Protein backbone atom coordinates (compact mmCIF):
# COMPACT_ATOMS: atom_id res chain seq x y z
CA UNK A 1 -55.17 80.46 8.84
CA UNK A 2 -55.54 77.36 6.96
CA UNK A 3 -56.42 75.31 10.22
CA UNK A 4 -59.96 74.51 11.05
CA UNK A 5 -62.05 77.17 12.38
CA UNK A 6 -62.16 74.56 15.85
CA UNK A 7 -58.46 74.35 16.04
CA UNK A 8 -57.47 78.08 16.65
CA UNK A 9 -59.09 81.13 19.46
CA UNK A 10 -58.13 84.53 19.34
CA UNK A 11 -57.38 86.84 21.75
CA UNK A 12 -57.89 90.14 20.59
CA UNK A 13 -56.60 90.12 17.41
CA UNK A 14 -53.43 87.31 18.24
CA UNK A 15 -54.47 84.14 16.82
CA UNK A 16 -53.76 81.08 19.22
CA UNK A 17 -53.49 77.47 18.41
CA UNK A 18 -55.66 75.32 20.69
CA UNK A 19 -53.75 72.65 22.12
CA UNK A 20 -56.79 71.11 24.14
CA UNK A 21 -60.11 71.92 23.70
CA UNK A 22 -63.53 70.93 24.13
CA UNK A 23 -64.75 70.01 20.21
CA UNK A 24 -68.68 71.08 21.04
CA UNK A 25 -69.08 74.26 23.89
CA UNK A 26 -71.56 76.89 24.91
CA UNK A 27 -74.10 77.44 22.00
CA UNK A 28 -73.27 74.52 19.75
CA UNK A 29 -73.02 72.02 22.78
CA UNK A 30 -76.56 73.17 24.24
CA UNK A 31 -78.17 72.82 20.48
CA UNK A 32 -76.76 69.06 20.03
CA UNK A 33 -78.44 68.52 23.44
CA UNK A 34 -81.65 69.88 22.38
CA UNK A 35 -81.46 68.55 18.79
CA UNK A 36 -80.82 65.11 20.54
CA UNK A 37 -83.57 65.53 23.10
CA UNK A 38 -86.20 66.14 20.27
CA UNK A 39 -85.48 63.61 17.82
CA UNK A 40 -84.62 60.65 20.00
CA UNK A 41 -88.45 61.63 21.24
CA UNK A 42 -89.64 61.46 18.19
CA UNK A 43 -88.04 58.11 17.39
CA UNK A 44 -89.03 56.51 20.41
CA UNK A 45 -92.72 56.95 19.72
CA UNK A 46 -92.29 56.32 15.54
CA UNK A 47 -90.44 52.85 16.27
CA UNK A 48 -92.41 52.07 19.70
CA UNK A 49 -93.81 49.10 17.35
CA UNK A 50 -90.63 48.03 16.29
CA UNK A 51 -89.42 48.04 19.79
CA UNK A 52 -92.63 46.28 20.95
CA UNK A 53 -92.32 43.22 18.81
CA UNK A 54 -88.43 42.64 19.33
CA UNK A 55 -89.12 42.54 22.64
CA UNK A 56 -91.36 40.23 22.10
CA UNK A 57 -89.55 37.80 19.78
CA UNK A 58 -86.61 38.37 22.29
CA UNK A 59 -88.28 36.86 25.10
CA UNK A 60 -90.36 34.14 23.26
CA UNK A 61 -87.04 32.90 20.87
CA UNK A 62 -84.57 32.10 24.40
CA UNK A 63 -85.32 32.52 28.45
CA UNK A 64 -83.57 35.78 30.21
CA UNK A 65 -83.83 39.39 30.17
CA UNK A 66 -85.16 41.17 27.32
CA UNK A 67 -82.30 44.04 27.44
CA UNK A 68 -78.67 43.33 27.72
CA UNK A 69 -77.25 46.13 29.58
CA UNK A 70 -73.12 46.64 28.86
CA UNK A 71 -70.13 49.04 30.42
CA UNK A 72 -68.59 50.93 27.13
CA UNK A 73 -66.66 53.97 27.55
CA UNK A 74 -68.88 57.38 27.24
CA UNK A 75 -68.12 61.10 27.30
CA UNK A 76 -64.50 61.46 29.01
CA UNK A 77 -63.65 58.42 29.40
CA UNK A 78 -66.49 57.59 31.79
CA UNK A 79 -67.59 54.59 31.81
CA UNK A 80 -71.43 54.26 31.00
CA UNK A 81 -74.00 51.64 30.67
CA UNK A 82 -76.00 51.04 27.91
CA UNK A 83 -78.98 49.60 26.95
CA UNK A 84 -79.55 46.75 23.89
CA UNK A 85 -82.00 44.46 22.97
CA UNK A 86 -80.78 40.97 23.79
CA UNK A 87 -78.79 39.46 20.90
CA UNK A 88 -77.06 36.57 22.99
CA UNK A 89 -78.08 33.13 25.20
CA UNK A 90 -77.90 34.54 28.61
CA UNK A 91 -75.35 32.10 29.36
CA UNK A 92 -73.36 33.06 26.65
CA UNK A 93 -73.16 36.84 27.16
CA UNK A 94 -70.16 38.67 26.83
CA UNK A 95 -70.22 41.61 29.07
CA UNK A 96 -66.50 42.59 28.40
CA UNK A 97 -66.93 42.06 24.60
CA UNK A 98 -63.93 40.12 24.64
CA UNK A 99 -64.60 38.49 21.95
CA UNK A 100 -65.50 39.82 18.62
CA UNK A 101 -69.32 38.48 17.15
CA UNK A 102 -68.45 36.58 14.14
CA UNK A 103 -70.27 35.29 11.06
CA UNK A 104 -72.55 32.12 12.53
CA UNK A 105 -71.47 32.53 16.07
CA UNK A 106 -73.43 30.16 18.06
CA UNK A 107 -73.42 32.86 21.23
CA UNK A 108 -76.04 34.76 18.62
CA UNK A 109 -79.86 33.59 18.78
CA UNK A 110 -81.84 33.37 15.55
CA UNK A 111 -83.60 36.81 16.29
CA UNK A 112 -80.23 37.87 17.90
CA UNK A 113 -78.94 37.97 13.97
CA UNK A 114 -82.04 39.77 12.54
CA UNK A 115 -81.85 42.52 15.16
CA UNK A 116 -77.96 42.83 15.42
CA UNK A 117 -77.64 43.34 11.38
CA UNK A 118 -80.48 45.97 10.82
CA UNK A 119 -79.22 47.53 14.44
CA UNK A 120 -83.14 47.33 15.89
CA UNK A 121 -80.88 45.75 18.55
CA UNK A 122 -79.78 49.16 19.83
CA UNK A 123 -83.16 50.83 19.79
CA UNK A 124 -83.10 50.98 23.43
CA UNK A 125 -80.17 53.47 23.78
CA UNK A 126 -82.86 56.09 22.50
CA UNK A 127 -82.88 55.98 26.19
CA UNK A 128 -79.62 56.66 27.08
CA UNK A 129 -80.01 59.89 24.53
CA UNK A 130 -82.86 60.59 26.83
CA UNK A 131 -81.09 60.38 30.20
CA UNK A 132 -77.95 62.36 28.59
CA UNK A 133 -75.54 59.53 28.56
CA UNK A 134 -75.21 58.96 24.81
CA UNK A 135 -75.98 61.62 21.59
CA UNK A 136 -78.04 60.43 18.57
CA UNK A 137 -74.70 61.24 16.21
CA UNK A 138 -71.22 60.77 17.57
CA UNK A 139 -68.27 58.58 17.58
CA UNK A 140 -68.85 54.66 17.94
CA UNK A 141 -69.39 53.09 21.78
CA UNK A 142 -67.13 50.63 22.33
CA UNK A 143 -67.22 47.98 25.15
CA UNK A 144 -64.38 48.16 27.69
CA UNK A 145 -62.86 44.83 26.51
CA UNK A 146 -62.93 45.82 22.88
CA UNK A 147 -59.47 44.03 21.07
CA UNK A 148 -58.16 42.26 17.81
CA UNK A 149 -55.52 40.01 18.36
CA UNK A 150 -55.53 40.39 22.19
CA UNK A 151 -54.77 43.60 22.21
CA UNK A 152 -56.84 46.46 23.32
CA UNK A 153 -57.42 49.42 20.95
CA UNK A 154 -56.17 52.03 23.03
CA UNK A 155 -52.83 50.16 23.47
CA UNK A 156 -52.56 49.97 19.47
CA UNK A 157 -54.19 53.28 17.89
CA UNK A 158 -52.54 56.75 18.47
CA UNK A 159 -55.81 59.06 19.56
CA UNK A 160 -57.82 56.28 20.26
CA UNK A 161 -59.36 58.16 23.42
CA UNK A 162 -59.43 61.31 21.42
CA UNK A 163 -63.14 60.17 20.49
CA UNK A 164 -64.20 60.79 23.96
CA UNK A 165 -64.20 64.34 23.76
CA UNK A 166 -67.53 64.23 23.02
CA UNK A 167 -70.83 62.19 23.32
CA UNK A 168 -70.72 58.38 22.09
CA UNK A 169 -73.61 58.07 19.17
CA UNK A 170 -76.11 55.83 18.45
CA UNK A 171 -74.94 56.06 14.87
CA UNK A 172 -72.52 58.11 13.16
CA UNK A 173 -69.74 58.54 10.08
CA UNK A 174 -68.09 55.62 10.80
CA UNK A 175 -71.60 53.33 10.63
CA UNK A 176 -72.40 55.51 7.31
CA UNK A 177 -69.12 54.63 5.68
CA UNK A 178 -69.30 50.88 5.69
CA UNK A 179 -67.11 50.47 9.33
CA UNK A 180 -69.36 49.02 11.70
CA UNK A 181 -69.56 45.60 13.17
CA UNK A 182 -66.84 42.88 13.20
CA UNK A 183 -63.23 44.64 13.85
CA UNK A 184 -60.65 41.74 12.92
CA UNK A 185 -58.13 43.74 12.15
CA UNK A 186 -56.14 46.65 13.22
CA UNK A 187 -56.74 48.52 9.66
CA UNK A 188 -60.28 48.28 10.39
CA UNK A 189 -60.40 49.73 13.49
CA UNK A 190 -58.06 52.22 12.42
CA UNK A 191 -60.46 53.47 9.94
CA UNK A 192 -63.23 53.57 12.29
CA UNK A 193 -61.50 55.82 14.90
CA UNK A 194 -60.29 57.93 11.76
CA UNK A 195 -64.27 58.41 10.67
CA UNK A 196 -64.89 59.14 14.24
CA UNK A 197 -62.10 61.77 14.74
CA UNK A 198 -63.05 63.00 11.03
CA UNK A 199 -67.05 63.77 12.85
CA UNK A 200 -65.36 65.72 15.38
CA UNK A 201 -63.33 67.77 13.99
CA UNK A 202 -66.28 68.82 11.13
CA UNK A 203 -69.46 68.48 13.46
CA UNK A 204 -72.10 70.86 12.14
CA UNK A 205 -75.98 69.88 13.14
CA UNK A 206 -76.03 69.83 9.22
CA UNK A 207 -73.58 66.98 9.71
CA UNK A 208 -75.83 65.25 12.42
CA UNK A 209 -79.23 65.75 10.18
CA UNK A 210 -77.00 64.15 7.49
CA UNK A 211 -75.79 61.24 8.89
CA UNK A 212 -79.21 60.28 10.38
CA UNK A 213 -80.95 60.64 6.80
CA UNK A 214 -78.48 58.08 5.45
CA UNK A 215 -78.56 55.64 8.59
CA UNK A 216 -81.36 53.49 7.30
CA UNK A 217 -80.01 53.31 4.34
CA UNK A 218 -76.72 52.12 4.90
CA UNK A 219 -78.34 48.97 7.04
CA UNK A 220 -78.36 47.44 4.00
CA UNK A 221 -74.68 47.16 4.07
CA UNK A 222 -73.73 44.29 6.79
CA UNK A 223 -70.62 42.88 5.50
CA UNK A 224 -69.29 43.06 8.70
CA UNK A 225 -72.60 42.81 10.97
CA UNK A 226 -72.90 39.46 12.38
């Protein structure tokens, strides 16, 4: 059969095309969960000096809380609350992400510009991984109000919610292939969604390790990260 192995199953010797299925199940799901817990715990320990320094810098640069909580779509379209280091001035925070952050955006603090470009602002999401809301590697998290040209992405991108068949990730295939940051055109968000769907259809622990390995190196590509 020329379909991907995840797209079909068998009853006896009869092959069946699966119209709807959970992409990662049974032992695969257990292995991925253990993988997430193990590597997230290690990352928290190793990166704790960076997170502590960032917390001090965020607090010193502008008044307000250190962490920013935002509602985003998680597994099975459930709304979850994710943690980030605060990168904006408190009175200008956009909880629904209706207005994308742009280059030299006045809402972003000086520390915020740096931690957004380097993804340091997303390190608190490692605790979301330990709580089971996120995976280390997976489709990109999107805020509830994410839009392009005032059109919500699920209204203009076919298969948008297919990305929510697995837990979203702190990093993913889209990020390491340059599709992170501002999505000011429909073409950019389409490429991001296509990358996420490719990851879901081709998932393996080896792919997760590959993405984690490349993530620090691909951070140097900050063309669309503001």
